[in-house]
Amino acid sequence: MHVGIARITLRIPDSRSLKTRRQSARSLTQRIRARFNVSVAQDVESDGNAWQSLTLLVSCVSNDTAYIDAMLEDLVKYVERSRPDLELLDYGSEIIRGV
């Protein structure tokens, strides 16, 4: 079994309050979970109190590392396509092999 982990940092330019940021985060995490069947969490430590910053941590498990790579790449493309109001600032992924 292999574990894939991705960190996606987004900017929410239209956010003027913490409430707006939370709504965007909740909506996006629900969409990602429903479409890709992965675990998604918000990285509160790195975001701090910034209303326009959102960092998501995504994890998945598979026997095939190529599948994990492709799925995480598709996930990032999906976020960019489905939420044009968000700007992708950074994306990184890692695969932990043989867990």
PDB file of N, CA and C in Angstrom:
ATOM      1  N   MET A   1       0.842  -1.180   0.000  1.00  0.00           N
ATOM      2  CA  MET A   1       0.000   0.000   0.000  1.00  0.00           C
ATOM      3  C   MET A   1       0.888   1.244   0.000  1.00  0.00           C
ATOM      4  N   HIS A   2       0.437   2.242  -0.728  1.00  0.00           N
ATOM      5  CA  HIS A   2       1.156   3.509  -0.822  1.00  0.00           C
ATOM      6  C   HIS A   2       0.189   4.630  -0.431  1.00  0.00           C
ATOM      7  N   VAL A   3       0.733   5.678   0.171  1.00  0.00           N
ATOM      8  CA  VAL A   3      -0.073   6.819   0.592  1.00  0.00           C
ATOM      9  C   VAL A   3       0.386   8.048  -0.178  1.00  0.00           C
ATOM     10  N   GLY A   4      -0.553   8.724  -0.797  1.00  0.00           N
ATOM     11  CA  GLY A   4      -0.264   9.965  -1.507  1.00  0.00           C
ATOM     12  C   GLY A   4      -0.765  11.142  -0.703  1.00  0.00           C
ATOM     13  N   ILE A   5       0.077  12.163  -0.584  1.00  0.00           N
ATOM     14  CA  ILE A   5      -0.281  13.362   0.175  1.00  0.00           C
ATOM     15  C   ILE A   5      -0.022  14.584  -0.702  1.00  0.00           C
ATOM     16  N   ALA A   6      -0.978  15.484  -0.748  1.00  0.00           N
ATOM     17  CA  ALA A   6      -0.824  16.713  -1.517  1.00  0.00           C
ATOM     18  C   ALA A   6      -1.156  17.913  -0.634  1.00  0.00           C
ATOM     19  N   ARG A   7      -0.420  18.977  -0.846  1.00  0.00           N
ATOM     20  CA  ARG A   7      -0.688  20.248  -0.158  1.00  0.00           C
ATOM     21  C   ARG A   7      -0.994  21.273  -1.248  1.00  0.00           C
ATOM     22  N   ILE A   8      -2.184  21.852  -1.178  1.00  0.00           N
ATOM     23  CA  ILE A   8      -2.650  22.803  -2.183  1.00  0.00           C
ATOM     24  C   ILE A   8      -2.890  24.144  -1.481  1.00  0.00           C
ATOM     25  N   THR A   9      -2.173  25.163  -1.918  1.00  0.00           N
ATOM     26  CA  THR A   9      -2.335  26.489  -1.340  1.00  0.00           C
ATOM     27  C   THR A   9      -3.069  27.369  -2.337  1.00  0.00           C
ATOM     28  N   LEU A  10      -4.165  27.945  -1.874  1.00  0.00           N
ATOM     29  CA  LEU A  10      -5.027  28.756  -2.730  1.00  0.00           C
ATOM     30  C   LEU A  10      -5.182  30.158  -2.153  1.00  0.00           C
ATOM     31  N   ARG A  11      -5.508  31.082  -3.028  1.00  0.00           N
ATOM     32  CA  ARG A  11      -5.829  32.450  -2.611  1.00  0.00           C
ATOM     33  C   ARG A  11      -7.281  32.716  -2.981  1.00  0.00           C
ATOM     34  N   ILE A  12      -8.002  33.317  -2.041  1.00  0.00           N
ATOM     35  CA  ILE A  12      -9.407  33.659  -2.260  1.00  0.00           C
ATOM     36  C   ILE A  12      -9.478  35.185  -2.357  1.00  0.00           C
ATOM     37  N   PRO A  13      -9.308  35.753  -3.544  1.00  0.00           N
ATOM     38  CA  PRO A  13      -9.205  37.207  -3.668  1.00  0.00           C
ATOM     39  C   PRO A  13     -10.459  37.971  -3.258  1.00  0.00           C
ATOM     40  N   ASP A  14     -11.640  37.360  -3.393  1.00  0.00           N
ATOM     41  CA  ASP A  14     -12.882  38.061  -3.081  1.00  0.00           C
ATOM     42  C   ASP A  14     -13.278  37.968  -1.613  1.00  0.00           C
ATOM     43  N   SER A  15     -12.515  37.247  -0.829  1.00  0.00           N
ATOM     44  CA  SER A  15     -12.864  37.053   0.580  1.00  0.00           C
ATOM     45  C   SER A  15     -12.578  38.318   1.382  1.00  0.00           C
ATOM     46  N   ARG A  16     -13.586  38.771   2.092  1.00  0.00           N
ATOM     47  CA  ARG A  16     -13.438  39.958   2.940  1.00  0.00           C
ATOM     48  C   ARG A  16     -13.668  39.623   4.412  1.00  0.00           C
ATOM     49  N   SER A  17     -13.952  38.350   4.693  1.00  0.00           N
ATOM     50  CA  SER A  17     -14.202  37.963   6.078  1.00  0.00           C
ATOM     51  C   SER A  17     -13.867  36.489   6.291  1.00  0.00           C
ATOM     52  N   LEU A  18     -13.749  36.117   7.532  1.00  0.00           N
ATOM     53  CA  LEU A  18     -13.485  34.729   7.876  1.00  0.00           C
ATOM     54  C   LEU A  18     -14.664  33.844   7.475  1.00  0.00           C
ATOM     55  N   LYS A  19     -15.866  34.379   7.548  1.00  0.00           N
ATOM     56  CA  LYS A  19     -17.059  33.624   7.169  1.00  0.00           C
ATOM     57  C   LYS A  19     -17.010  33.232   5.683  1.00  0.00           C
ATOM     58  N   THR A  20     -16.621  34.148   4.839  1.00  0.00           N
ATOM     59  CA  THR A  20     -16.514  33.872   3.409  1.00  0.00           C
ATOM     60  C   THR A  20     -15.452  32.808   3.145  1.00  0.00           C
ATOM     61  N   ARG A  21     -14.340  32.911   3.847  1.00  0.00           N
ATOM     62  CA  ARG A  21     -13.268  31.926   3.695  1.00  0.00           C
ATOM     63  C   ARG A  21     -13.742  30.537   4.113  1.00  0.00           C
ATOM     64  N   ARG A  22     -14.449  30.456   5.212  1.00  0.00           N
ATOM     65  CA  ARG A  22     -14.960  29.164   5.689  1.00  0.00           C
ATOM     66  C   ARG A  22     -15.950  28.559   4.703  1.00  0.00           C
ATOM     67  N   GLN A  23     -16.803  29.394   4.120  1.00  0.00           N
ATOM     68  CA  GLN A  23     -17.763  28.901   3.135  1.00  0.00           C
ATOM     69  C   GLN A  23     -17.048  28.331   1.911  1.00  0.00           C
ATOM     70  N   SER A  24     -16.031  29.033   1.449  1.00  0.00           N
ATOM     71  CA  SER A  24     -15.259  28.554   0.299  1.00  0.00           C
ATOM     72  C   SER A  24     -14.556  27.249   0.627  1.00  0.00           C
ATOM     73  N   ALA A  25     -13.954  27.168   1.805  1.00  0.00           N
ATOM     74  CA  ALA A  25     -13.238  25.962   2.219  1.00  0.00           C
ATOM     75  C   ALA A  25     -14.190  24.780   2.340  1.00  0.00           C
ATOM     76  N   ARG A  26     -15.325  24.987   2.959  1.00  0.00           N
ATOM     77  CA  ARG A  26     -16.297  23.908   3.152  1.00  0.00           C
ATOM     78  C   ARG A  26     -16.822  23.412   1.813  1.00  0.00           C
ATOM     79  N   SER A  27     -17.176  24.325   0.946  1.00  0.00           N
ATOM     80  CA  SER A  27     -17.700  23.964  -0.365  1.00  0.00           C
ATOM     81  C   SER A  27     -16.674  23.169  -1.178  1.00  0.00           C
ATOM     82  N   LEU A  28     -15.451  23.652  -1.199  1.00  0.00           N
ATOM     83  CA  LEU A  28     -14.414  22.996  -1.987  1.00  0.00           C
ATOM     84  C   LEU A  28     -14.064  21.627  -1.429  1.00  0.00           C
ATOM     85  N   THR A  29     -13.945  21.497  -0.122  1.00  0.00           N
ATOM     86  CA  THR A  29     -13.599  20.191   0.459  1.00  0.00           C
ATOM     87  C   THR A  29     -14.707  19.169   0.205  1.00  0.00           C
ATOM     88  N   GLN A  30     -15.956  19.588   0.278  1.00  0.00           N
ATOM     89  CA  GLN A  30     -17.060  18.664   0.008  1.00  0.00           C
ATOM     90  C   GLN A  30     -17.046  18.201  -1.447  1.00  0.00           C
ATOM     91  N   ARG A  31     -16.774  19.116  -2.364  1.00  0.00           N
ATOM     92  CA  ARG A  31     -16.720  18.757  -3.781  1.00  0.00           C
ATOM     93  C   ARG A  31     -15.586  17.780  -4.066  1.00  0.00           C
ATOM     94  N   ILE A  32     -14.418  18.034  -3.475  1.00  0.00           N
ATOM     95  CA  ILE A  32     -13.263  17.162  -3.692  1.00  0.00           C
ATOM     96  C   ILE A  32     -13.536  15.767  -3.127  1.00  0.00           C
ATOM     97  N   ARG A  33     -14.071  15.711  -1.917  1.00  0.00           N
ATOM     98  CA  ARG A  33     -14.372  14.406  -1.298  1.00  0.00           C
ATOM     99  C   ARG A  33     -15.363  13.612  -2.139  1.00  0.00           C
ATOM    100  N   ALA A  34     -16.393  14.272  -2.619  1.00  0.00           N
ATOM    101  CA  ALA A  34     -17.432  13.590  -3.391  1.00  0.00           C
ATOM    102  C   ALA A  34     -16.903  13.085  -4.731  1.00  0.00           C
ATOM    103  N   ARG A  35     -16.069  13.865  -5.372  1.00  0.00           N
ATOM    104  CA  ARG A  35     -15.599  13.494  -6.709  1.00  0.00           C
ATOM    105  C   ARG A  35     -14.449  12.487  -6.692  1.00  0.00           C
ATOM    106  N   PHE A  36     -13.513  12.627  -5.742  1.00  0.00           N
ATOM    107  CA  PHE A  36     -12.290  11.819  -5.777  1.00  0.00           C
ATOM    108  C   PHE A  36     -12.193  10.771  -4.669  1.00  0.00           C
ATOM    109  N   ASN A  37     -13.111  10.771  -3.720  1.00  0.00           N
ATOM    110  CA  ASN A  37     -13.099   9.814  -2.621  1.00  0.00           C
ATOM    111  C   ASN A  37     -11.745   9.808  -1.895  1.00  0.00           C
ATOM    112  N   VAL A  38     -11.322  10.978  -1.453  1.00  0.00           N
ATOM    113  CA  VAL A  38     -10.070  11.160  -0.730  1.00  0.00           C
ATOM    114  C   VAL A  38     -10.352  11.858   0.597  1.00  0.00           C
ATOM    115  N   SER A  39      -9.349  11.888   1.450  1.00  0.00           N
ATOM    116  CA  SER A  39      -9.460  12.639   2.700  1.00  0.00           C
ATOM    117  C   SER A  39      -8.947  14.046   2.456  1.00  0.00           C
ATOM    118  N   VAL A  40      -9.682  15.034   2.957  1.00  0.00           N
ATOM    119  CA  VAL A  40      -9.299  16.430   2.783  1.00  0.00           C
ATOM    120  C   VAL A  40      -9.394  17.129   4.127  1.00  0.00           C
ATOM    121  N   ALA A  41      -8.379  17.915   4.437  1.00  0.00           N
ATOM    122  CA  ALA A  41      -8.373  18.692   5.673  1.00  0.00           C
ATOM    123  C   ALA A  41      -7.799  20.064   5.369  1.00  0.00           C
ATOM    124  N   GLN A  42      -8.203  21.013   6.162  1.00  0.00           N
ATOM    125  CA  GLN A  42      -7.678  22.366   6.030  1.00  0.00           C
ATOM    126  C   GLN A  42      -6.501  22.520   6.979  1.00  0.00           C
ATOM    127  N   ASP A  43      -5.400  23.051   6.478  1.00  0.00           N
ATOM    128  CA  ASP A  43      -4.210  23.277   7.295  1.00  0.00           C
ATOM    129  C   ASP A  43      -4.322  24.650   7.947  1.00  0.00           C
ATOM    130  N   VAL A  44      -4.872  24.664   9.140  1.00  0.00           N
ATOM    131  CA  VAL A  44      -5.125  25.915   9.850  1.00  0.00           C
ATOM    132  C   VAL A  44      -3.817  26.546  10.319  1.00  0.00           C
ATOM    133  N   GLU A  45      -2.838  25.741  10.659  1.00  0.00           N
ATOM    134  CA  GLU A  45      -1.559  26.257  11.148  1.00  0.00           C
ATOM    135  C   GLU A  45      -0.899  27.184  10.136  1.00  0.00           C
ATOM    136  N   SER A  46      -0.881  26.797   8.874  1.00  0.00           N
ATOM    137  CA  SER A  46      -0.193  27.608   7.873  1.00  0.00           C
ATOM    138  C   SER A  46      -1.024  28.808   7.425  1.00  0.00           C
ATOM    139  N   ASP A  47      -2.346  28.718   7.556  1.00  0.00           N
ATOM    140  CA  ASP A  47      -3.202  29.814   7.105  1.00  0.00           C
ATOM    141  C   ASP A  47      -3.286  30.939   8.127  1.00  0.00           C
ATOM    142  N   GLY A  48      -3.199  30.599   9.386  1.00  0.00           N
ATOM    143  CA  GLY A  48      -3.315  31.628  10.408  1.00  0.00           C
ATOM    144  C   GLY A  48      -4.666  32.307  10.335  1.00  0.00           C
ATOM    145  N   ASN A  49      -4.675  33.609  10.407  1.00  0.00           N
ATOM    146  CA  ASN A  49      -5.912  34.377  10.362  1.00  0.00           C
ATOM    147  C   ASN A  49      -6.127  35.068   9.024  1.00  0.00           C
ATOM    148  N   ALA A  50      -5.355  34.682   8.026  1.00  0.00           N
ATOM    149  CA  ALA A  50      -5.476  35.314   6.714  1.00  0.00           C
ATOM    150  C   ALA A  50      -6.812  34.943   6.070  1.00  0.00           C
ATOM    151  N   TRP A  51      -7.614  35.924   5.760  1.00  0.00           N
ATOM    152  CA  TRP A  51      -8.925  35.682   5.164  1.00  0.00           C
ATOM    153  C   TRP A  51      -8.835  35.231   3.720  1.00  0.00           C
ATOM    154  N   GLN A  52      -7.751  35.573   3.065  1.00  0.00           N
ATOM    155  CA  GLN A  52      -7.649  35.271   1.644  1.00  0.00           C
ATOM    156  C   GLN A  52      -6.749  34.079   1.347  1.00  0.00           C
ATOM    157  N   SER A  53      -6.338  33.357   2.351  1.00  0.00           N
ATOM    158  CA  SER A  53      -5.443  32.225   2.161  1.00  0.00           C
ATOM    159  C   SER A  53      -6.120  30.932   2.601  1.00  0.00           C
ATOM    160  N   LEU A  54      -5.932  29.876   1.824  1.00  0.00           N
ATOM    161  CA  LEU A  54      -6.512  28.578   2.142  1.00  0.00           C
ATOM    162  C   LEU A  54      -5.534  27.487   1.734  1.00  0.00           C
ATOM    163  N   THR A  55      -5.167  26.633   2.682  1.00  0.00           N
ATOM    164  CA  THR A  55      -4.285  25.502   2.398  1.00  0.00           C
ATOM    165  C   THR A  55      -5.034  24.218   2.703  1.00  0.00           C
ATOM    166  N   LEU A  56      -5.113  23.347   1.700  1.00  0.00           N
ATOM    167  CA  LEU A  56      -5.783  22.063   1.854  1.00  0.00           C
ATOM    168  C   LEU A  56      -4.757  20.941   1.808  1.00  0.00           C
ATOM    169  N   LEU A  57      -4.968  19.957   2.655  1.00  0.00           N
ATOM    170  CA  LEU A  57      -4.150  18.750   2.657  1.00  0.00           C
ATOM    171  C   LEU A  57      -5.032  17.603   2.190  1.00  0.00           C
ATOM    172  N   VAL A  58      -4.569  16.880   1.189  1.00  0.00           N
ATOM    173  CA  VAL A  58      -5.333  15.794   0.598  1.00  0.00           C
ATOM    174  C   VAL A  58      -4.516  14.512   0.719  1.00  0.00           C
ATOM    175  N   SER A  59      -5.179  13.414   1.099  1.00  0.00           N
ATOM    176  CA  SER A  59      -4.470  12.135   1.166  1.00  0.00           C
ATOM    177  C   SER A  59      -5.313  11.030   0.539  1.00  0.00           C
ATOM    178  N   CYS A  60      -4.617  10.053  -0.029  1.00  0.00           N
ATOM    179  CA  CYS A  60      -5.280   8.901  -0.627  1.00  0.00           C
ATOM    180  C   CYS A  60      -4.376   7.681  -0.488  1.00  0.00           C
ATOM    181  N   VAL A  61      -4.973   6.508  -0.620  1.00  0.00           N
ATOM    182  CA  VAL A  61      -4.249   5.243  -0.473  1.00  0.00           C
ATOM    183  C   VAL A  61      -4.531   4.382  -1.701  1.00  0.00           C
ATOM    184  N   SER A  62      -3.476   3.744  -2.213  1.00  0.00           N
ATOM    185  CA  SER A  62      -3.630   2.860  -3.370  1.00  0.00           C
ATOM    186  C   SER A  62      -2.451   1.897  -3.435  1.00  0.00           C
ATOM    187  N   ASN A  63      -2.615   0.850  -4.221  1.00  0.00           N
ATOM    188  CA  ASN A  63      -1.517  -0.083  -4.481  1.00  0.00           C
ATOM    189  C   ASN A  63      -0.630   0.391  -5.621  1.00  0.00           C
ATOM    190  N   ASP A  64      -1.105   1.362  -6.390  1.00  0.00           N
ATOM    191  CA  ASP A  64      -0.423   1.803  -7.604  1.00  0.00           C
ATOM    192  C   ASP A  64       0.022   3.262  -7.458  1.00  0.00           C
ATOM    193  N   THR A  65       1.335   3.507  -7.475  1.00  0.00           N
ATOM    194  CA  THR A  65       1.844   4.880  -7.325  1.00  0.00           C
ATOM    195  C   THR A  65       1.505   5.744  -8.536  1.00  0.00           C
ATOM    196  N   ALA A  66       1.459   5.143  -9.726  1.00  0.00           N
ATOM    197  CA  ALA A  66       1.095   5.908 -10.927  1.00  0.00           C
ATOM    198  C   ALA A  66      -0.340   6.416 -10.817  1.00  0.00           C
ATOM    199  N   TYR A  67      -1.211   5.589 -10.260  1.00  0.00           N
ATOM    200  CA  TYR A  67      -2.599   6.009 -10.059  1.00  0.00           C
ATOM    201  C   TYR A  67      -2.669   7.189  -9.095  1.00  0.00           C
ATOM    202  N   ILE A  68      -1.908   7.130  -8.012  1.00  0.00           N
ATOM    203  CA  ILE A  68      -1.903   8.225  -7.029  1.00  0.00           C
ATOM    204  C   ILE A  68      -1.434   9.515  -7.680  1.00  0.00           C
ATOM    205  N   ASP A  69      -0.335   9.450  -8.431  1.00  0.00           N
ATOM    206  CA  ASP A  69       0.171  10.643  -9.126  1.00  0.00           C
ATOM    207  C   ASP A  69      -0.877  11.245 -10.053  1.00  0.00           C
ATOM    208  N   ALA A  70      -1.482  10.409 -10.871  1.00  0.00           N
ATOM    209  CA  ALA A  70      -2.472  10.872 -11.844  1.00  0.00           C
ATOM    210  C   ALA A  70      -3.700  11.452 -11.142  1.00  0.00           C
ATOM    211  N   MET A  71      -4.139  10.794 -10.085  1.00  0.00           N
ATOM    212  CA  MET A  71      -5.325  11.249  -9.380  1.00  0.00           C
ATOM    213  C   MET A  71      -5.091  12.599  -8.706  1.00  0.00           C
ATOM    214  N   LEU A  72      -3.942  12.780  -8.074  1.00  0.00           N
ATOM    215  CA  LEU A  72      -3.648  14.055  -7.423  1.00  0.00           C
ATOM    216  C   LEU A  72      -3.496  15.176  -8.448  1.00  0.00           C
ATOM    217  N   GLU A  73      -2.924  14.850  -9.599  1.00  0.00           N
ATOM    218  CA  GLU A  73      -2.807  15.833 -10.666  1.00  0.00           C
ATOM    219  C   GLU A  73      -4.187  16.224 -11.204  1.00  0.00           C
ATOM    220  N   ASP A  74      -5.057  15.227 -11.403  1.00  0.00           N
ATOM    221  CA  ASP A  74      -6.429  15.500 -11.850  1.00  0.00           C
ATOM    222  C   ASP A  74      -7.183  16.329 -10.821  1.00  0.00           C
ATOM    223  N   LEU A  75      -6.934  16.073  -9.562  1.00  0.00           N
ATOM    224  CA  LEU A  75      -7.594  16.808  -8.486  1.00  0.00           C
ATOM    225  C   LEU A  75      -7.247  18.294  -8.552  1.00  0.00           C
ATOM    226  N   VAL A  76      -5.978  18.601  -8.759  1.00  0.00           N
ATOM    227  CA  VAL A  76      -5.553  20.005  -8.852  1.00  0.00           C
ATOM    228  C   VAL A  76      -6.178  20.668 -10.083  1.00  0.00           C
ATOM    229  N   LYS A  77      -6.200  19.963 -11.205  1.00  0.00           N
ATOM    230  CA  LYS A  77      -6.836  20.502 -12.416  1.00  0.00           C
ATOM    231  C   LYS A  77      -8.325  20.740 -12.182  1.00  0.00           C
ATOM    232  N   TYR A  78      -8.961  19.839 -11.458  1.00  0.00           N
ATOM    233  CA  TYR A  78     -10.374  19.984 -11.133  1.00  0.00           C
ATOM    234  C   TYR A  78     -10.615  21.246 -10.296  1.00  0.00           C
ATOM    235  N   VAL A  79      -9.775  21.483  -9.310  1.00  0.00           N
ATOM    236  CA  VAL A  79      -9.913  22.680  -8.466  1.00  0.00           C
ATOM    237  C   VAL A  79      -9.774  23.933  -9.318  1.00  0.00           C
ATOM    238  N   GLU A  80      -8.799  23.959 -10.203  1.00  0.00           N
ATOM    239  CA  GLU A  80      -8.596  25.130 -11.065  1.00  0.00           C
ATOM    240  C   GLU A  80      -9.782  25.354 -12.004  1.00  0.00           C
ATOM    241  N   ARG A  81     -10.326  24.264 -12.555  1.00  0.00           N
ATOM    242  CA  ARG A  81     -11.458  24.370 -13.485  1.00  0.00           C
ATOM    243  C   ARG A  81     -12.758  24.734 -12.790  1.00  0.00           C
ATOM    244  N   SER A  82     -13.031  24.063 -11.687  1.00  0.00           N
ATOM    245  CA  SER A  82     -14.334  24.216 -11.048  1.00  0.00           C
ATOM    246  C   SER A  82     -14.443  25.485 -10.204  1.00  0.00           C
ATOM    247  N   ARG A  83     -13.322  26.021  -9.772  1.00  0.00           N
ATOM    248  CA  ARG A  83     -13.340  27.230  -8.940  1.00  0.00           C
ATOM    249  C   ARG A  83     -12.422  28.294  -9.521  1.00  0.00           C
ATOM    250  N   PRO A  84     -12.846  28.939 -10.624  1.00  0.00           N
ATOM    251  CA  PRO A  84     -12.000  29.976 -11.235  1.00  0.00           C
ATOM    252  C   PRO A  84     -11.854  31.217 -10.352  1.00  0.00           C
ATOM    253  N   ASP A  85     -12.683  31.311  -9.314  1.00  0.00           N
ATOM    254  CA  ASP A  85     -12.574  32.453  -8.399  1.00  0.00           C
ATOM    255  C   ASP A  85     -11.398  32.302  -7.435  1.00  0.00           C
ATOM    256  N   LEU A  86     -10.780  31.122  -7.391  1.00  0.00           N
ATOM    257  CA  LEU A  86      -9.632  30.867  -6.526  1.00  0.00           C
ATOM    258  C   LEU A  86      -8.360  30.828  -7.363  1.00  0.00           C
ATOM    259  N   GLU A  87      -7.268  31.314  -6.779  1.00  0.00           N
ATOM    260  CA  GLU A  87      -5.977  31.284  -7.462  1.00  0.00           C
ATOM    261  C   GLU A  87      -5.101  30.212  -6.826  1.00  0.00           C
ATOM    262  N   LEU A  88      -4.554  29.344  -7.647  1.00  0.00           N
ATOM    263  CA  LEU A  88      -3.639  28.322  -7.160  1.00  0.00           C
ATOM    264  C   LEU A  88      -2.271  28.967  -6.955  1.00  0.00           C
ATOM    265  N   LEU A  89      -1.822  29.024  -5.709  1.00  0.00           N
ATOM    266  CA  LEU A  89      -0.532  29.627  -5.398  1.00  0.00           C
ATOM    267  C   LEU A  89       0.587  28.597  -5.382  1.00  0.00           C
ATOM    268  N   ASP A  90       0.307  27.421  -4.822  1.00  0.00           N
ATOM    269  CA  ASP A  90       1.343  26.409  -4.686  1.00  0.00           C
ATOM    270  C   ASP A  90       0.701  25.028  -4.613  1.00  0.00           C
ATOM    271  N   TYR A  91       1.447  24.052  -5.101  1.00  0.00           N
ATOM    272  CA  TYR A  91       0.986  22.669  -5.063  1.00  0.00           C
ATOM    273  C   TYR A  91       2.198  21.765  -4.918  1.00  0.00           C
ATOM    274  N   GLY A  92       2.098  20.833  -4.013  1.00  0.00           N
ATOM    275  CA  GLY A  92       3.174  19.865  -3.843  1.00  0.00           C
ATOM    276  C   GLY A  92       2.582  18.532  -3.438  1.00  0.00           C
ATOM    277  N   SER A  93       3.240  17.453  -3.871  1.00  0.00           N
ATOM    278  CA  SER A  93       2.734  16.129  -3.506  1.00  0.00           C
ATOM    279  C   SER A  93       3.902  15.225  -3.145  1.00  0.00           C
ATOM    280  N   GLU A  94       3.563  14.189  -2.409  1.00  0.00           N
ATOM    281  CA  GLU A  94       4.562  13.220  -1.973  1.00  0.00           C
ATOM    282  C   GLU A  94       3.881  11.867  -1.864  1.00  0.00           C
ATOM    283  N   ILE A  95       4.629  10.820  -2.179  1.00  0.00           N
ATOM    284  CA  ILE A  95       4.115   9.462  -2.049  1.00  0.00           C
ATOM    285  C   ILE A  95       4.977   8.716  -1.035  1.00  0.00           C
ATOM    286  N   ILE A  96       4.328   8.168  -0.043  1.00  0.00           N
ATOM    287  CA  ILE A  96       5.014   7.337   0.936  1.00  0.00           C
ATOM    288  C   ILE A  96       4.787   5.902   0.499  1.00  0.00           C
ATOM    289  N   ARG A  97       5.845   5.248   0.131  1.00  0.00           N
ATOM    290  CA  ARG A  97       5.753   3.907  -0.461  1.00  0.00           C
ATOM    291  C   ARG A  97       5.835   2.812   0.594  1.00  0.00           C
ATOM    292  N   GLY A  98       5.068   1.765   0.348  1.00  0.00           N
ATOM    293  CA  GLY A  98       5.156   0.556   1.157  1.00  0.00           C
ATOM    294  C   GLY A  98       4.683   0.675   2.577  1.00  0.00           C
ATOM    295  N   VAL A  99       3.612   1.381   2.790  1.00  0.00           N
ATOM    296  CA  VAL A  99       3.079   1.517   4.144  1.00  0.00           C
ATOM    297  C   VAL A  99       2.258   0.300   4.480  1.00  0.00           C
TER     298      VAL A  99
END
